[in-house]
PDB file of N, CA and C in Angstrom:
ATOM      1  N   UNK A   1      33.451  14.529  46.266  1.00  0.00           N
ATOM      2  CA  UNK A   1      34.409  13.635  45.864  1.00  0.00           C
ATOM      3  C   UNK A   1      35.132  14.458  44.290  1.00  0.00           C
ATOM      4  N   UNK A   2      36.623  14.738  44.239  1.00  0.00           N
ATOM      5  CA  UNK A   2      37.117  15.514  43.100  1.00  0.00           C
ATOM      6  C   UNK A   2      38.190  15.629  42.996  1.00  0.00           C
ATOM      7  N   UNK A   3      38.753  16.660  42.342  1.00  0.00           N
ATOM      8  CA  UNK A   3      40.215  16.645  41.580  1.00  0.00           C
ATOM      9  C   UNK A   3      40.748  17.370  42.282  1.00  0.00           C
ATOM     10  N   UNK A   4      42.226  17.018  42.390  1.00  0.00           N
ATOM     11  CA  UNK A   4      42.835  17.799  43.176  1.00  0.00           C
ATOM     12  C   UNK A   4      43.981  18.371  42.618  1.00  0.00           C
ATOM     13  N   UNK A   5      43.699  19.394  41.452  1.00  0.00           N
ATOM     14  CA  UNK A   5      44.521  19.798  40.704  1.00  0.00           C
ATOM     15  C   UNK A   5      46.263  20.478  41.765  1.00  0.00           C
ATOM     16  N   UNK A   6      46.252  20.494  42.471  1.00  0.00           N
ATOM     17  CA  UNK A   6      47.947  20.829  43.109  1.00  0.00           C
ATOM     18  C   UNK A   6      48.685  19.508  43.396  1.00  0.00           C
ATOM     19  N   UNK A   7      47.966  18.481  44.005  1.00  0.00           N
ATOM     20  CA  UNK A   7      48.048  17.325  43.761  1.00  0.00           C
ATOM     21  C   UNK A   7      48.666  16.468  42.972  1.00  0.00           C
ATOM     22  N   UNK A   8      47.449  16.844  41.949  1.00  0.00           N
ATOM     23  CA  UNK A   8      47.280  16.115  40.678  1.00  0.00           C
ATOM     24  C   UNK A   8      46.523  14.439  41.066  1.00  0.00           C
ATOM     25  N   UNK A   9      45.600  13.848  42.167  1.00  0.00           N
ATOM     26  CA  UNK A   9      44.803  13.376  42.240  1.00  0.00           C
ATOM     27  C   UNK A   9      43.771  13.788  42.809  1.00  0.00           C
ATOM     28  N   UNK A  10      42.622  11.894  43.342  1.00  0.00           N
ATOM     29  CA  UNK A  10      41.691  12.273  43.117  1.00  0.00           C
ATOM     30  C   UNK A  10      41.148  11.728  44.736  1.00  0.00           C
ATOM     31  N   UNK A  11      40.344  13.126  45.262  1.00  0.00           N
ATOM     32  CA  UNK A  11      40.058  13.247  46.450  1.00  0.00           C
ATOM     33  C   UNK A  11      38.717  13.225  46.986  1.00  0.00           C
ATOM     34  N   UNK A  12      38.842  12.401  48.451  1.00  0.00           N
ATOM     35  CA  UNK A  12      37.177  12.878  48.901  1.00  0.00           C
ATOM     36  C   UNK A  12      37.092  13.488  50.381  1.00  0.00           C
ATOM     37  N   UNK A  13      35.900  13.693  50.419  1.00  0.00           N
ATOM     38  CA  UNK A  13      35.989  14.424  51.764  1.00  0.00           C
ATOM     39  C   UNK A  13      34.676  14.047  51.970  1.00  0.00           C
ATOM     40  N   UNK A  14      34.337  13.733  53.433  1.00  0.00           N
ATOM     41  CA  UNK A  14      32.672  13.282  54.215  1.00  0.00           C
ATOM     42  C   UNK A  14      33.170  14.292  54.801  1.00  0.00           C
ATOM     43  N   UNK A  15      31.540  14.545  55.547  1.00  0.00           N
ATOM     44  CA  UNK A  15      31.456  15.458  56.846  1.00  0.00           C
ATOM     45  C   UNK A  15      30.059  15.109  58.098  1.00  0.00           C
ATOM     46  N   UNK A  16      29.920  14.494  58.937  1.00  0.00           N
ATOM     47  CA  UNK A  16      28.994  13.923  59.734  1.00  0.00           C
ATOM     48  C   UNK A  16      28.295  14.728  60.347  1.00  0.00           C
ATOM     49  N   UNK A  17      27.063  14.688  60.648  1.00  0.00           N
ATOM     50  CA  UNK A  17      26.484  15.745  61.565  1.00  0.00           C
ATOM     51  C   UNK A  17      27.001  15.672  62.692  1.00  0.00           C
ATOM     52  N   UNK A  18      27.794  14.680  63.682  1.00  0.00           N
ATOM     53  CA  UNK A  18      28.033  14.911  65.123  1.00  0.00           C
ATOM     54  C   UNK A  18      28.936  15.293  64.847  1.00  0.00           C
ATOM     55  N   UNK A  19      30.280  16.336  63.680  1.00  0.00           N
ATOM     56  CA  UNK A  19      31.477  16.648  63.766  1.00  0.00           C
ATOM     57  C   UNK A  19      33.273  16.059  63.698  1.00  0.00           C
ATOM     58  N   UNK A  20      32.277  15.071  63.049  1.00  0.00           N
ATOM     59  CA  UNK A  20      33.869  14.441  62.735  1.00  0.00           C
ATOM     60  C   UNK A  20      33.733  14.373  60.829  1.00  0.00           C
ATOM     61  N   UNK A  21      35.270  14.414  61.074  1.00  0.00           N
ATOM     62  CA  UNK A  21      34.906  14.310  58.951  1.00  0.00           C
ATOM     63  C   UNK A  21      36.373  13.104  58.761  1.00  0.00           C
ATOM     64  N   UNK A  22      35.900  12.697  57.569  1.00  0.00           N
ATOM     65  CA  UNK A  22      36.973  11.893  56.189  1.00  0.00           C
ATOM     66  C   UNK A  22      37.597  12.378  55.748  1.00  0.00           C
ATOM     67  N   UNK A  23      38.789  12.323  54.972  1.00  0.00           N
ATOM     68  CA  UNK A  23      39.183  12.451  53.216  1.00  0.00           C
ATOM     69  C   UNK A  23      40.911  11.657  53.546  1.00  0.00           C
ATOM     70  N   UNK A  24      40.065  11.483  52.415  1.00  0.00           N
ATOM     71  CA  UNK A  24      40.328   9.961  51.714  1.00  0.00           C
ATOM     72  C   UNK A  24      41.292  10.588  49.738  1.00  0.00           C
ATOM     73  N   UNK A  25      41.821   9.818  49.906  1.00  0.00           N
ATOM     74  CA  UNK A  25      43.258   9.859  48.909  1.00  0.00           C
ATOM     75  C   UNK A  25      42.657   8.264  47.437  1.00  0.00           C
ATOM     76  N   UNK A  26      42.084   8.868  46.076  1.00  0.00           N
ATOM     77  CA  UNK A  26      41.443   7.244  45.278  1.00  0.00           C
ATOM     78  C   UNK A  26      42.906   6.973  44.818  1.00  0.00           C
ATOM     79  N   UNK A  27      42.880   5.865  44.241  1.00  0.00           N
ATOM     80  CA  UNK A  27      44.300   5.488  43.298  1.00  0.00           C
ATOM     81  C   UNK A  27      43.760   4.213  42.864  1.00  0.00           C
ATOM     82  N   UNK A  28      44.021   4.192  41.949  1.00  0.00           N
ATOM     83  CA  UNK A  28      43.330   2.879  40.561  1.00  0.00           C
ATOM     84  C   UNK A  28      44.480   1.911  40.258  1.00  0.00           C
ATOM     85  N   UNK A  29      44.618   1.037  40.564  1.00  0.00           N
ATOM     86  CA  UNK A  29      44.904  -0.280  39.663  1.00  0.00           C
ATOM     87  C   UNK A  29      44.651  -1.543  39.920  1.00  0.00           C
ATOM     88  N   UNK A  30      44.516  -1.830  38.324  1.00  0.00           N
ATOM     89  CA  UNK A  30      44.224  -2.842  38.333  1.00  0.00           C
ATOM     90  C   UNK A  30      42.860  -3.126  37.972  1.00  0.00           C
ATOM     91  N   UNK A  31      42.099  -2.297  37.890  1.00  0.00           N
ATOM     92  CA  UNK A  31      40.300  -1.735  38.257  1.00  0.00           C
ATOM     93  C   UNK A  31      39.931  -2.364  39.017  1.00  0.00           C
ATOM     94  N   UNK A  32      40.593  -1.796  40.022  1.00  0.00           N
ATOM     95  CA  UNK A  32      40.726  -1.663  41.861  1.00  0.00           C
ATOM     96  C   UNK A  32      41.314  -0.991  42.172  1.00  0.00           C
ATOM     97  N   UNK A  33      39.658  -0.027  42.832  1.00  0.00           N
ATOM     98  CA  UNK A  33      40.070   0.956  44.078  1.00  0.00           C
ATOM     99  C   UNK A  33      40.239   1.478  44.880  1.00  0.00           C
ATOM    100  N   UNK A  34      41.306   2.197  45.105  1.00  0.00           N
ATOM    101  CA  UNK A  34      41.897   1.985  47.374  1.00  0.00           C
ATOM    102  C   UNK A  34      41.271   3.114  46.918  1.00  0.00           C
ATOM    103  N   UNK A  35      40.749   3.874  48.388  1.00  0.00           N
ATOM    104  CA  UNK A  35      40.574   4.951  49.010  1.00  0.00           C
ATOM    105  C   UNK A  35      41.676   4.939  50.047  1.00  0.00           C
ATOM    106  N   UNK A  36      42.462   5.274  50.389  1.00  0.00           N
ATOM    107  CA  UNK A  36      43.253   5.915  51.816  1.00  0.00           C
ATOM    108  C   UNK A  36      42.931   7.186  52.356  1.00  0.00           C
ATOM    109  N   UNK A  37      42.081   6.311  53.299  1.00  0.00           N
ATOM    110  CA  UNK A  37      41.366   8.381  54.812  1.00  0.00           C
ATOM    111  C   UNK A  37      41.758   8.070  55.575  1.00  0.00           C
ATOM    112  N   UNK A  38      42.126   9.470  56.054  1.00  0.00           N
ATOM    113  CA  UNK A  38      42.149   9.513  57.867  1.00  0.00           C
ATOM    114  C   UNK A  38      40.836  10.146  58.222  1.00  0.00           C
ATOM    115  N   UNK A  39      40.991   9.975  59.450  1.00  0.00           N
ATOM    116  CA  UNK A  39      39.405  10.784  60.128  1.00  0.00           C
ATOM    117  C   UNK A  39      39.698  11.066  61.556  1.00  0.00           C
ATOM    118  N   UNK A  40      38.889  11.699  62.033  1.00  0.00           N
ATOM    119  CA  UNK A  40      38.463  13.058  63.488  1.00  0.00           C
ATOM    120  C   UNK A  40      37.508  12.520  63.296  1.00  0.00           C
ATOM    121  N   UNK A  41      37.187  11.656  64.664  1.00  0.00           N
ATOM    122  CA  UNK A  41      35.539  11.309  64.746  1.00  0.00           C
ATOM    123  C   UNK A  41      34.996  12.498  65.413  1.00  0.00           C
ATOM    124  N   UNK A  42      34.349  12.508  65.715  1.00  0.00           N
ATOM    125  CA  UNK A  42      33.730  13.719  66.977  1.00  0.00           C
ATOM    126  C   UNK A  42      33.812  13.445  68.789  1.00  0.00           C
ATOM    127  N   UNK A  43      34.255  13.270  68.885  1.00  0.00           N
ATOM    128  CA  UNK A  43      34.849  12.377  70.224  1.00  0.00           C
ATOM    129  C   UNK A  43      35.881  13.352  70.153  1.00  0.00           C
ATOM    130  N   UNK A  44      36.737  13.807  69.247  1.00  0.00           N
ATOM    131  CA  UNK A  44      38.663  13.426  69.255  1.00  0.00           C
ATOM    132  C   UNK A  44      39.065  12.574  68.775  1.00  0.00           C
ATOM    133  N   UNK A  45      38.829  11.717  68.591  1.00  0.00           N
ATOM    134  CA  UNK A  45      39.983  10.512  68.753  1.00  0.00           C
ATOM    135  C   UNK A  45      40.679  10.778  67.008  1.00  0.00           C
ATOM    136  N   UNK A  46      40.747   9.709  66.762  1.00  0.00           N
ATOM    137  CA  UNK A  46      41.427   9.949  65.193  1.00  0.00           C
ATOM    138  C   UNK A  46      42.086   8.586  64.951  1.00  0.00           C
ATOM    139  N   UNK A  47      41.362   8.170  63.456  1.00  0.00           N
ATOM    140  CA  UNK A  47      41.734   6.945  62.895  1.00  0.00           C
ATOM    141  C   UNK A  47      41.980   6.668  61.322  1.00  0.00           C
ATOM    142  N   UNK A  48      41.419   5.965  60.855  1.00  0.00           N
ATOM    143  CA  UNK A  48      42.195   5.958  58.865  1.00  0.00           C
ATOM    144  C   UNK A  48      41.551   4.101  58.649  1.00  0.00           C
ATOM    145  N   UNK A  49      41.724   4.099  57.534  1.00  0.00           N
ATOM    146  CA  UNK A  49      40.831   2.623  56.916  1.00  0.00           C
ATOM    147  C   UNK A  49      41.518   3.093  55.068  1.00  0.00           C
ATOM    148  N   UNK A  50      40.846   2.166  54.836  1.00  0.00           N
ATOM    149  CA  UNK A  50      41.387   1.882  53.469  1.00  0.00           C
ATOM    150  C   UNK A  50      39.894   1.289  52.909  1.00  0.00           C
ATOM    151  N   UNK A  51      38.729   1.236  51.801  1.00  0.00           N
ATOM    152  CA  UNK A  51      37.695   1.373  51.863  1.00  0.00           C
ATOM    153  C   UNK A  51      37.774   0.836  49.800  1.00  0.00           C
ATOM    154  N   UNK A  52      38.424  -0.552  50.005  1.00  0.00           N
ATOM    155  CA  UNK A  52      38.154  -1.170  48.620  1.00  0.00           C
ATOM    156  C   UNK A  52      37.195  -1.409  47.484  1.00  0.00           C
ATOM    157  N   UNK A  53      37.542  -0.616  45.911  1.00  0.00           N
ATOM    158  CA  UNK A  53      36.375  -0.876  45.346  1.00  0.00           C
ATOM    159  C   UNK A  53      36.705  -2.092  44.517  1.00  0.00           C
ATOM    160  N   UNK A  54      35.679  -3.205  43.889  1.00  0.00           N
ATOM    161  CA  UNK A  54      36.209  -3.281  42.974  1.00  0.00           C
ATOM    162  C   UNK A  54      34.534  -3.889  41.916  1.00  0.00           C
ATOM    163  N   UNK A  55      34.075  -3.474  40.432  1.00  0.00           N
ATOM    164  CA  UNK A  55      33.726  -3.307  39.782  1.00  0.00           C
ATOM    165  C   UNK A  55      33.184  -4.932  39.460  1.00  0.00           C
ATOM    166  N   UNK A  56      32.002  -5.526  39.365  1.00  0.00           N
ATOM    167  CA  UNK A  56      32.049  -6.917  39.218  1.00  0.00           C
ATOM    168  C   UNK A  56      31.374  -7.103  37.951  1.00  0.00           C
ATOM    169  N   UNK A  57      31.516  -8.359  36.869  1.00  0.00           N
ATOM    170  CA  UNK A  57      30.645  -8.116  36.023  1.00  0.00           C
ATOM    171  C   UNK A  57      29.481  -7.536  35.242  1.00  0.00           C
ATOM    172  N   UNK A  58      28.338  -7.558  36.459  1.00  0.00           N
ATOM    173  CA  UNK A  58      27.087  -7.267  36.198  1.00  0.00           C
ATOM    174  C   UNK A  58      27.207  -5.411  36.035  1.00  0.00           C
ATOM    175  N   UNK A  59      28.154  -5.060  36.853  1.00  0.00           N
ATOM    176  CA  UNK A  59      27.619  -3.632  36.534  1.00  0.00           C
ATOM    177  C   UNK A  59      27.859  -2.742  37.780  1.00  0.00           C
ATOM    178  N   UNK A  60      27.544  -3.853  38.616  1.00  0.00           N
ATOM    179  CA  UNK A  60      27.386  -3.704  39.948  1.00  0.00           C
ATOM    180  C   UNK A  60      29.436  -3.296  40.600  1.00  0.00           C
ATOM    181  N   UNK A  61      28.950  -3.174  41.987  1.00  0.00           N
ATOM    182  CA  UNK A  61      30.735  -3.264  42.074  1.00  0.00           C
ATOM    183  C   UNK A  61      30.147  -3.869  44.160  1.00  0.00           C
ATOM    184  N   UNK A  62      31.223  -4.067  44.241  1.00  0.00           N
ATOM    185  CA  UNK A  62      31.947  -4.817  46.073  1.00  0.00           C
ATOM    186  C   UNK A  62      32.061  -3.590  46.807  1.00  0.00           C
ATOM    187  N   UNK A  63      32.308  -3.348  47.727  1.00  0.00           N
ATOM    188  CA  UNK A  63      33.097  -3.198  48.812  1.00  0.00           C
ATOM    189  C   UNK A  63      33.715  -3.637  50.225  1.00  0.00           C
ATOM    190  N   UNK A  64      34.659  -2.634  50.446  1.00  0.00           N
ATOM    191  CA  UNK A  64      35.376  -3.396  51.762  1.00  0.00           C
ATOM    192  C   UNK A  64      36.619  -2.536  52.271  1.00  0.00           C
ATOM    193  N   UNK A  65      35.684  -2.658  54.141  1.00  0.00           N
ATOM    194  CA  UNK A  65      36.435  -1.525  54.447  1.00  0.00           C
ATOM    195  C   UNK A  65      37.660  -2.697  55.374  1.00  0.00           C
ATOM    196  N   UNK A  66      39.441  -1.983  54.689  1.00  0.00           N
ATOM    197  CA  UNK A  66      40.353  -3.242  55.682  1.00  0.00           C
ATOM    198  C   UNK A  66      41.285  -1.678  56.297  1.00  0.00           C
ATOM    199  N   UNK A  67      42.308  -2.351  57.066  1.00  0.00           N
ATOM    200  CA  UNK A  67      43.328  -1.747  58.346  1.00  0.00           C
ATOM    201  C   UNK A  67      42.634  -0.634  58.351  1.00  0.00           C
ATOM    202  N   UNK A  68      41.941  -0.689  59.278  1.00  0.00           N
ATOM    203  CA  UNK A  68      40.819   0.358  60.024  1.00  0.00           C
ATOM    204  C   UNK A  68      42.345  -0.358  61.516  1.00  0.00           C
ATOM    205  N   UNK A  69      41.703   1.897  61.910  1.00  0.00           N
ATOM    206  CA  UNK A  69      42.675   2.085  63.115  1.00  0.00           C
ATOM    207  C   UNK A  69      42.329   3.036  63.588  1.00  0.00           C
ATOM    208  N   UNK A  70      41.675   2.392  64.774  1.00  0.00           N
ATOM    209  CA  UNK A  70      41.161   4.039  65.622  1.00  0.00           C
ATOM    210  C   UNK A  70      41.549   3.661  66.859  1.00  0.00           C
ATOM    211  N   UNK A  71      42.829   5.495  67.050  1.00  0.00           N
ATOM    212  CA  UNK A  71      43.838   5.824  68.149  1.00  0.00           C
ATOM    213  C   UNK A  71      44.815   4.431  68.611  1.00  0.00           C
ATOM    214  N   UNK A  72      45.117   3.962  67.581  1.00  0.00           N
ATOM    215  CA  UNK A  72      46.087   3.228  67.516  1.00  0.00           C
ATOM    216  C   UNK A  72      45.650   1.753  67.321  1.00  0.00           C
ATOM    217  N   UNK A  73      44.508   1.398  67.680  1.00  0.00           N
ATOM    218  CA  UNK A  73      44.126  -0.024  67.753  1.00  0.00           C
ATOM    219  C   UNK A  73      43.866  -0.138  66.278  1.00  0.00           C
ATOM    220  N   UNK A  74      44.595  -1.635  65.910  1.00  0.00           N
ATOM    221  CA  UNK A  74      43.484  -2.187  64.598  1.00  0.00           C
ATOM    222  C   UNK A  74      42.307  -2.697  65.105  1.00  0.00           C
ATOM    223  N   UNK A  75      41.330  -2.526  63.871  1.00  0.00           N
ATOM    224  CA  UNK A  75      40.099  -3.302  63.652  1.00  0.00           C
ATOM    225  C   UNK A  75      40.078  -4.309  62.552  1.00  0.00           C
ATOM    226  N   UNK A  76      38.875  -5.226  63.325  1.00  0.00           N
ATOM    227  CA  UNK A  76      38.763  -6.390  61.978  1.00  0.00           C
ATOM    228  C   UNK A  76      37.761  -5.389  61.259  1.00  0.00           C
ATOM    229  N   UNK A  77      38.900  -6.272  59.620  1.00  0.00           N
ATOM    230  CA  UNK A  77      38.221  -5.848  58.885  1.00  0.00           C
ATOM    231  C   UNK A  77      37.001  -6.221  58.312  1.00  0.00           C
ATOM    232  N   UNK A  78      35.650  -5.748  58.145  1.00  0.00           N
ATOM    233  CA  UNK A  78      34.333  -5.593  57.395  1.00  0.00           C
ATOM    234  C   UNK A  78      34.479  -6.613  56.269  1.00  0.00           C
ATOM    235  N   UNK A  79      33.489  -7.439  56.423  1.00  0.00           N
ATOM    236  CA  UNK A  79      33.085  -8.302  55.545  1.00  0.00           C
ATOM    237  C   UNK A  79      32.617  -7.866  53.606  1.00  0.00           C
ATOM    238  N   UNK A  80      33.248  -8.183  52.866  1.00  0.00           N
ATOM    239  CA  UNK A  80      33.324  -7.103  51.366  1.00  0.00           C
ATOM    240  C   UNK A  80      31.469  -7.382  51.647  1.00  0.00           C
ATOM    241  N   UNK A  81      31.102  -5.948  50.911  1.00  0.00           N
ATOM    242  CA  UNK A  81      29.601  -6.443  50.238  1.00  0.00           C
ATOM    243  C   UNK A  81      29.675  -6.241  49.499  1.00  0.00           C
ATOM    244  N   UNK A  82      28.357  -6.406  48.298  1.00  0.00           N
ATOM    245  CA  UNK A  82      28.230  -6.233  47.025  1.00  0.00           C
ATOM    246  C   UNK A  82      27.058  -5.236  46.764  1.00  0.00           C
ATOM    247  N   UNK A  83      27.543  -4.012  46.174  1.00  0.00           N
ATOM    248  CA  UNK A  83      26.296  -3.176  46.489  1.00  0.00           C
ATOM    249  C   UNK A  83      26.060  -2.707  44.804  1.00  0.00           C
ATOM    250  N   UNK A  84      23.680  -3.113  45.324  1.00  0.00           N
ATOM    251  CA  UNK A  84      23.258  -3.156  42.687  1.00  0.00           C
ATOM    252  C   UNK A  84      23.189  -1.970  43.240  1.00  0.00           C
ATOM    253  N   UNK A  85      23.690  -1.585  41.896  1.00  0.00           N
ATOM    254  CA  UNK A  85      22.808  -0.176  41.054  1.00  0.00           C
ATOM    255  C   UNK A  85      21.723  -0.989  40.534  1.00  0.00           C
ATOM    256  N   UNK A  86      20.616  -0.012  41.227  1.00  0.00           N
ATOM    257  CA  UNK A  86      18.864   0.179  40.006  1.00  0.00           C
ATOM    258  C   UNK A  86      19.017   0.991  39.079  1.00  0.00           C
TER     259      UNK A  86
END
């Protein structure tokens, strides 16, 4: 995760051991962070999704993946999960 000075936005990149990768653009509104991501999977297929992060009152946060599309097919949203800080 880092600052893109040219585009003036927060961006992220993820590379997996199978050869796939994801690039995301982060935006914040009213305390909710959304990461709009595009992906190239190891088999060459492509996709996109939005990750939604919300901080909870106890300092933890929730995460959910929504609007996931793989090769043009819309998949069901993932259930929201709570991530606990240790």
